[in-house]
Amino acid sequence: TEGFAIEAKARLPMGLLTPRRLIVDEGVWGALRIVRNLCRDTEARGRVLAMRQVFHKYRRHLAAIMLVGKKRPEMNQ
């Protein structure tokens, strides 16, 4: 109703802070850099591990949602 045509949509389990998702999102070298930084920074490591615990605890209630829309040609004016 707002002038967009839905081209794709998907819903997947939330994968934040899982090793597989980290590698997909950041690449191998980016993931290794993050791990190195977490090994060096105790406070950051604590925060990240706490976030990971929350994501794991509520994993059944969290999801990743993708929605791709394209403006309809008649709405370009």
N, C-alpha and C. Protein backbone atom coordinates (compact mmCIF):
# COMPACT_ATOMS: atom_id res chain seq x y z
N THR A 1 0.82 -1.21 0.00
CA THR A 1 0.00 0.00 0.00
C THR A 1 0.85 1.26 0.00
N GLU A 2 2.14 1.14 0.29
CA GLU A 2 3.03 2.31 0.34
C GLU A 2 3.89 2.42 -0.91
N GLY A 3 3.61 1.62 -1.93
CA GLY A 3 4.34 1.75 -3.18
C GLY A 3 5.52 0.82 -3.35
N PHE A 4 5.62 -0.20 -2.53
CA PHE A 4 6.72 -1.15 -2.64
C PHE A 4 6.19 -2.52 -3.01
N ALA A 5 6.95 -3.22 -3.84
CA ALA A 5 6.65 -4.62 -4.16
C ALA A 5 7.67 -5.48 -3.41
N ILE A 6 7.19 -6.46 -2.70
CA ILE A 6 8.08 -7.34 -1.94
C ILE A 6 8.76 -8.30 -2.92
N GLU A 7 10.10 -8.28 -2.93
CA GLU A 7 10.86 -9.15 -3.82
C GLU A 7 11.35 -10.41 -3.12
N ALA A 8 11.66 -10.32 -1.85
CA ALA A 8 12.14 -11.48 -1.11
C ALA A 8 11.89 -11.28 0.38
N LYS A 9 11.66 -12.39 1.07
CA LYS A 9 11.53 -12.33 2.52
C LYS A 9 12.00 -13.65 3.10
N ALA A 10 12.55 -13.59 4.29
CA ALA A 10 13.05 -14.79 4.97
C ALA A 10 13.05 -14.56 6.46
N ARG A 11 12.92 -15.65 7.19
CA ARG A 11 12.99 -15.61 8.65
C ARG A 11 13.85 -16.80 9.08
N LEU A 12 14.90 -16.51 9.82
CA LEU A 12 15.83 -17.54 10.26
C LEU A 12 16.10 -17.39 11.74
N PRO A 13 16.59 -18.44 12.39
CA PRO A 13 16.98 -18.30 13.79
C PRO A 13 18.09 -17.26 13.93
N MET A 14 18.08 -16.54 15.04
CA MET A 14 19.11 -15.54 15.30
C MET A 14 20.43 -16.25 15.52
N GLY A 15 21.46 -15.80 14.85
CA GLY A 15 22.76 -16.46 14.95
C GLY A 15 23.86 -15.55 15.47
N LEU A 16 23.48 -14.44 16.08
CA LEU A 16 24.49 -13.50 16.56
C LEU A 16 25.42 -14.15 17.58
N LEU A 17 26.69 -13.86 17.44
CA LEU A 17 27.75 -14.30 18.34
C LEU A 17 27.96 -15.80 18.36
N THR A 18 27.51 -16.49 17.32
CA THR A 18 27.88 -17.90 17.17
C THR A 18 29.08 -17.94 16.24
N PRO A 19 29.99 -18.88 16.43
CA PRO A 19 31.19 -18.91 15.60
C PRO A 19 30.88 -18.95 14.10
N ARG A 20 29.94 -19.77 13.69
CA ARG A 20 29.61 -19.88 12.26
C ARG A 20 29.13 -18.55 11.70
N ARG A 21 28.22 -17.90 12.42
CA ARG A 21 27.66 -16.62 11.96
C ARG A 21 28.73 -15.53 11.94
N LEU A 22 29.60 -15.56 12.93
CA LEU A 22 30.68 -14.58 13.00
C LEU A 22 31.59 -14.68 11.77
N ILE A 23 31.90 -15.92 11.36
CA ILE A 23 32.75 -16.12 10.19
C ILE A 23 32.02 -15.70 8.92
N VAL A 24 30.73 -16.02 8.81
CA VAL A 24 29.96 -15.62 7.63
C VAL A 24 29.89 -14.10 7.53
N ASP A 25 29.63 -13.44 8.65
CA ASP A 25 29.48 -11.98 8.66
C ASP A 25 30.80 -11.24 8.49
N GLU A 26 31.84 -11.70 9.16
CA GLU A 26 33.09 -10.95 9.23
C GLU A 26 34.22 -11.55 8.41
N GLY A 27 34.06 -12.78 7.93
CA GLY A 27 35.14 -13.46 7.25
C GLY A 27 36.07 -14.09 8.29
N VAL A 28 36.92 -14.98 7.82
CA VAL A 28 37.82 -15.69 8.75
C VAL A 28 38.74 -14.72 9.47
N TRP A 29 39.37 -13.81 8.71
CA TRP A 29 40.34 -12.89 9.32
C TRP A 29 39.64 -11.91 10.26
N GLY A 30 38.46 -11.44 9.90
CA GLY A 30 37.70 -10.54 10.77
C GLY A 30 37.30 -11.23 12.06
N ALA A 31 36.86 -12.49 11.95
CA ALA A 31 36.48 -13.25 13.14
C ALA A 31 37.69 -13.48 14.04
N LEU A 32 38.82 -13.80 13.44
CA LEU A 32 40.05 -13.98 14.24
C LEU A 32 40.47 -12.69 14.93
N ARG A 33 40.29 -11.56 14.24
CA ARG A 33 40.61 -10.26 14.84
C ARG A 33 39.72 -9.99 16.06
N ILE A 34 38.44 -10.31 15.93
CA ILE A 34 37.51 -10.12 17.04
C ILE A 34 37.91 -11.00 18.22
N VAL A 35 38.22 -12.26 17.93
CA VAL A 35 38.63 -13.18 19.00
C VAL A 35 39.90 -12.68 19.67
N ARG A 36 40.85 -12.22 18.87
CA ARG A 36 42.10 -11.68 19.44
C ARG A 36 41.80 -10.51 20.36
N ASN A 37 40.93 -9.60 19.90
CA ASN A 37 40.59 -8.43 20.72
C ASN A 37 39.89 -8.84 22.01
N LEU A 38 39.03 -9.85 21.94
CA LEU A 38 38.34 -10.31 23.15
C LEU A 38 39.31 -10.99 24.12
N CYS A 39 40.32 -11.64 23.58
CA CYS A 39 41.33 -12.25 24.46
C CYS A 39 42.15 -11.19 25.19
N ARG A 40 42.32 -10.04 24.56
CA ARG A 40 43.13 -8.96 25.15
C ARG A 40 42.34 -8.07 26.10
N ASP A 41 41.04 -7.95 25.90
CA ASP A 41 40.22 -7.00 26.66
C ASP A 41 39.23 -7.75 27.55
N THR A 42 39.57 -7.85 28.82
CA THR A 42 38.75 -8.60 29.78
C THR A 42 37.35 -8.04 29.91
N GLU A 43 37.22 -6.73 29.98
CA GLU A 43 35.90 -6.11 30.13
C GLU A 43 35.02 -6.38 28.91
N ALA A 44 35.57 -6.21 27.73
CA ALA A 44 34.81 -6.47 26.50
C ALA A 44 34.41 -7.94 26.42
N ARG A 45 35.31 -8.82 26.78
CA ARG A 45 35.02 -10.26 26.76
C ARG A 45 33.84 -10.57 27.68
N GLY A 46 33.83 -9.96 28.86
CA GLY A 46 32.72 -10.17 29.79
C GLY A 46 31.39 -9.70 29.22
N ARG A 47 31.41 -8.53 28.57
CA ARG A 47 30.18 -8.00 27.97
C ARG A 47 29.69 -8.89 26.84
N VAL A 48 30.61 -9.32 25.97
CA VAL A 48 30.23 -10.16 24.83
C VAL A 48 29.70 -11.51 25.31
N LEU A 49 30.34 -12.11 26.29
CA LEU A 49 29.86 -13.40 26.81
C LEU A 49 28.51 -13.25 27.48
N ALA A 50 28.27 -12.14 28.16
CA ALA A 50 26.96 -11.89 28.77
C ALA A 50 25.88 -11.75 27.68
N MET A 51 26.20 -11.03 26.60
CA MET A 51 25.25 -10.89 25.49
C MET A 51 24.97 -12.26 24.87
N ARG A 52 26.01 -13.05 24.70
CA ARG A 52 25.85 -14.37 24.09
C ARG A 52 24.96 -15.26 24.95
N GLN A 53 25.11 -15.15 26.27
CA GLN A 53 24.24 -15.91 27.19
C GLN A 53 22.79 -15.52 27.03
N VAL A 54 22.52 -14.23 26.92
CA VAL A 54 21.15 -13.74 26.74
C VAL A 54 20.59 -14.24 25.41
N PHE A 55 21.36 -14.14 24.33
CA PHE A 55 20.90 -14.62 23.03
C PHE A 55 20.60 -16.11 23.09
N HIS A 56 21.45 -16.87 23.78
CA HIS A 56 21.23 -18.31 23.89
C HIS A 56 19.99 -18.61 24.73
N LYS A 57 19.84 -17.90 25.84
CA LYS A 57 18.71 -18.13 26.74
C LYS A 57 17.37 -17.89 26.03
N TYR A 58 17.30 -16.85 25.21
CA TYR A 58 16.05 -16.47 24.55
C TYR A 58 16.03 -16.85 23.07
N ARG A 59 16.86 -17.81 22.67
CA ARG A 59 17.00 -18.17 21.25
C ARG A 59 15.68 -18.58 20.62
N ARG A 60 14.78 -19.16 21.40
CA ARG A 60 13.49 -19.57 20.84
C ARG A 60 12.58 -18.39 20.55
N HIS A 61 12.92 -17.23 21.09
CA HIS A 61 12.08 -16.04 20.93
C HIS A 61 12.72 -14.98 20.04
N LEU A 62 13.92 -15.26 19.53
CA LEU A 62 14.63 -14.30 18.68
C LEU A 62 14.73 -14.84 17.26
N ALA A 63 14.67 -13.94 16.30
CA ALA A 63 14.78 -14.36 14.90
C ALA A 63 15.43 -13.25 14.09
N ALA A 64 16.03 -13.65 13.00
CA ALA A 64 16.55 -12.70 12.02
C ALA A 64 15.51 -12.62 10.90
N ILE A 65 15.14 -11.42 10.54
CA ILE A 65 14.12 -11.23 9.51
C ILE A 65 14.71 -10.41 8.38
N MET A 66 14.53 -10.90 7.14
CA MET A 66 14.98 -10.18 5.97
C MET A 66 13.75 -9.84 5.12
N LEU A 67 13.69 -8.62 4.68
CA LEU A 67 12.61 -8.18 3.80
C LEU A 67 13.22 -7.26 2.75
N VAL A 68 13.06 -7.63 1.48
CA VAL A 68 13.58 -6.82 0.38
C VAL A 68 12.40 -6.29 -0.41
N GLY A 69 12.32 -4.98 -0.50
CA GLY A 69 11.25 -4.36 -1.26
C GLY A 69 11.82 -3.47 -2.34
N LYS A 70 11.07 -3.33 -3.43
CA LYS A 70 11.50 -2.48 -4.53
C LYS A 70 10.35 -1.52 -4.83
N LYS A 71 10.72 -0.28 -4.99
CA LYS A 71 9.71 0.74 -5.28
C LYS A 71 9.05 0.45 -6.62
N ARG A 72 7.75 0.46 -6.64
CA ARG A 72 7.02 0.19 -7.88
C ARG A 72 7.27 1.33 -8.87
N PRO A 73 7.40 1.00 -10.15
CA PRO A 73 7.68 2.03 -11.18
C PRO A 73 6.68 3.16 -11.17
N GLU A 74 5.41 2.87 -10.98
CA GLU A 74 4.40 3.94 -11.02
C GLU A 74 4.53 4.90 -9.85
N MET A 75 5.33 4.54 -8.84
CA MET A 75 5.50 5.39 -7.66
C MET A 75 6.77 6.25 -7.75
N ASN A 76 7.54 6.14 -8.82
CA ASN A 76 8.79 6.89 -8.97
C ASN A 76 8.60 8.36 -9.28
N GLN A 77 7.40 8.81 -9.49
CA GLN A 77 7.18 10.19 -9.89
C GLN A 77 7.11 11.13 -8.72
